[in-house]
Amino acid sequence: MAKFCGKLGFSYTKETRLGIYEEVVEEKTYYGDILKDTRINEKSSNLNDNINISNKLSVISNDYLIQNVSHLKYVVYLGVKWEVKSFDIERPRIIIYLGGLYND
């Protein structure tokens, strides 16, 4: 089983100025294991094919991750931001399922 060390991106809506709300992304580093490592090239009508991964990560959780897992938007894996499709809470770990590329 391969090891994982990477950043998880959490997205929040915060009031940056009076009456102005913006999306703020906060990244935190987490450790865990790669349970499944699959890449899928999907044909598309665009010039380039779409790349999706169907990876499953098991991340060691802490209080912050447990309380903010609903704000989890992406995982930086192999230097690329991948969107979080779903997650399972299995204390003391969280299982994260990844999908396509995350668009900022």
Protein backbone atom coordinates (compact mmCIF):
# COMPACT_ATOMS: atom_id res chain seq x y z
CA MET A 1 0.00 0.00 0.00
CA ALA A 2 1.44 3.35 -1.06
CA LYS A 3 1.67 6.25 1.38
CA PHE A 4 0.09 9.66 0.86
CA CYS A 5 1.27 13.07 2.02
CA GLY A 6 -0.51 16.02 0.50
CA LYS A 7 -2.68 19.07 0.92
CA LEU A 8 -6.43 19.05 1.35
CA GLY A 9 -8.32 22.18 0.26
CA PHE A 10 -11.24 23.46 2.33
CA SER A 11 -13.54 26.12 0.88
CA TYR A 12 -15.43 28.62 3.04
CA THR A 13 -17.61 31.63 2.29
CA LYS A 14 -16.41 34.51 4.46
CA GLU A 15 -17.25 38.19 4.70
CA THR A 16 -14.06 39.89 3.49
CA ARG A 17 -15.47 43.43 3.70
CA LEU A 18 -18.74 44.81 4.94
CA GLY A 19 -21.42 43.12 2.84
CA ILE A 20 -18.88 41.46 0.52
CA TYR A 21 -18.68 37.66 0.72
CA GLU A 22 -15.99 35.71 -1.07
CA GLU A 23 -14.88 32.11 -1.27
CA VAL A 24 -11.73 31.55 0.77
CA VAL A 25 -9.71 28.35 0.32
CA GLU A 26 -7.53 27.02 3.13
CA GLU A 27 -5.06 24.18 2.55
CA LYS A 28 -3.83 21.81 5.25
CA THR A 29 -1.33 18.94 5.00
CA TYR A 30 -2.47 15.41 5.86
CA TYR A 31 -0.94 11.94 5.82
CA GLY A 32 -2.43 8.58 4.98
CA ASP A 33 -2.53 5.71 2.50
CA ILE A 34 -3.53 5.30 -1.14
CA LEU A 35 -6.06 2.46 -1.18
CA LYS A 36 -6.84 2.54 -4.91
CA ASP A 37 -4.96 4.20 -7.78
CA THR A 38 -6.85 4.28 -11.10
CA ARG A 39 -6.68 6.70 -14.03
CA ILE A 40 -9.37 7.02 -16.70
CA ASN A 41 -9.05 8.84 -20.05
CA GLU A 42 -12.48 9.83 -21.31
CA LYS A 43 -13.03 10.75 -24.93
CA SER A 44 -14.60 14.15 -25.36
CA SER A 45 -15.53 16.53 -28.14
CA ASN A 46 -12.72 18.84 -27.00
CA LEU A 47 -9.21 18.81 -28.42
CA ASN A 48 -7.85 16.87 -25.45
CA ASP A 49 -9.36 13.92 -23.61
CA ASN A 50 -10.68 14.40 -20.09
CA ILE A 51 -8.57 12.78 -17.39
CA ASN A 52 -10.31 11.41 -14.34
CA ILE A 53 -8.95 9.39 -11.51
CA SER A 54 -10.89 7.01 -9.39
CA ASN A 55 -8.55 7.03 -6.43
CA LYS A 56 -9.43 6.20 -2.88
CA LEU A 57 -7.35 7.75 -0.10
CA SER A 58 -7.39 6.90 3.58
CA VAL A 59 -6.35 10.00 5.55
CA ILE A 60 -5.59 10.14 9.25
CA SER A 61 -8.13 12.58 10.66
CA ASN A 62 -7.96 15.12 13.44
CA ASP A 63 -10.60 17.34 15.06
CA TYR A 64 -10.28 19.99 12.34
CA LEU A 65 -10.86 17.50 9.53
CA ILE A 66 -13.81 15.85 11.29
CA GLN A 67 -15.51 19.21 11.92
CA ASN A 68 -14.80 20.65 8.44
CA VAL A 69 -15.03 17.61 6.16
CA SER A 70 -18.19 19.04 4.57
CA HIS A 71 -16.03 21.96 3.31
CA LEU A 72 -13.48 19.63 1.69
CA LYS A 73 -13.29 20.50 -2.03
CA TYR A 74 -10.04 19.08 -3.41
CA VAL A 75 -6.92 17.04 -2.74
CA VAL A 76 -3.52 17.89 -4.18
CA TYR A 77 -2.24 14.57 -5.52
CA LEU A 78 0.81 14.23 -7.79
CA GLY A 79 1.00 18.04 -7.96
CA VAL A 80 -2.54 18.41 -9.35
CA LYS A 81 -5.78 19.44 -7.64
CA TRP A 82 -8.42 16.68 -7.87
CA GLU A 83 -12.02 17.21 -6.79
CA VAL A 84 -13.47 15.24 -3.90
CA LYS A 85 -16.44 13.17 -5.09
CA SER A 86 -17.39 11.73 -1.70
CA PHE A 87 -16.00 10.64 1.64
CA ASP A 88 -16.64 8.11 4.42
CA ILE A 89 -15.86 8.79 8.04
CA GLU A 90 -14.28 5.70 9.58
CA ARG A 91 -12.59 6.98 12.70
CA PRO A 92 -9.71 7.53 13.17
CA ARG A 93 -9.54 7.88 9.37
CA ILE A 94 -11.54 9.47 6.58
CA ILE A 95 -11.80 7.67 3.25
CA ILE A 96 -11.78 10.18 0.36
CA TYR A 97 -12.93 9.31 -3.18
CA LEU A 98 -11.43 11.48 -5.93
CA GLY A 99 -12.82 12.31 -9.37
CA GLY A 100 -11.89 14.75 -12.12
CA LEU A 101 -9.67 17.81 -12.12
CA TYR A 102 -10.66 20.57 -9.72
CA ASN A 103 -11.40 23.91 -11.39
CA ASP A 104 -10.57 26.88 -9.18
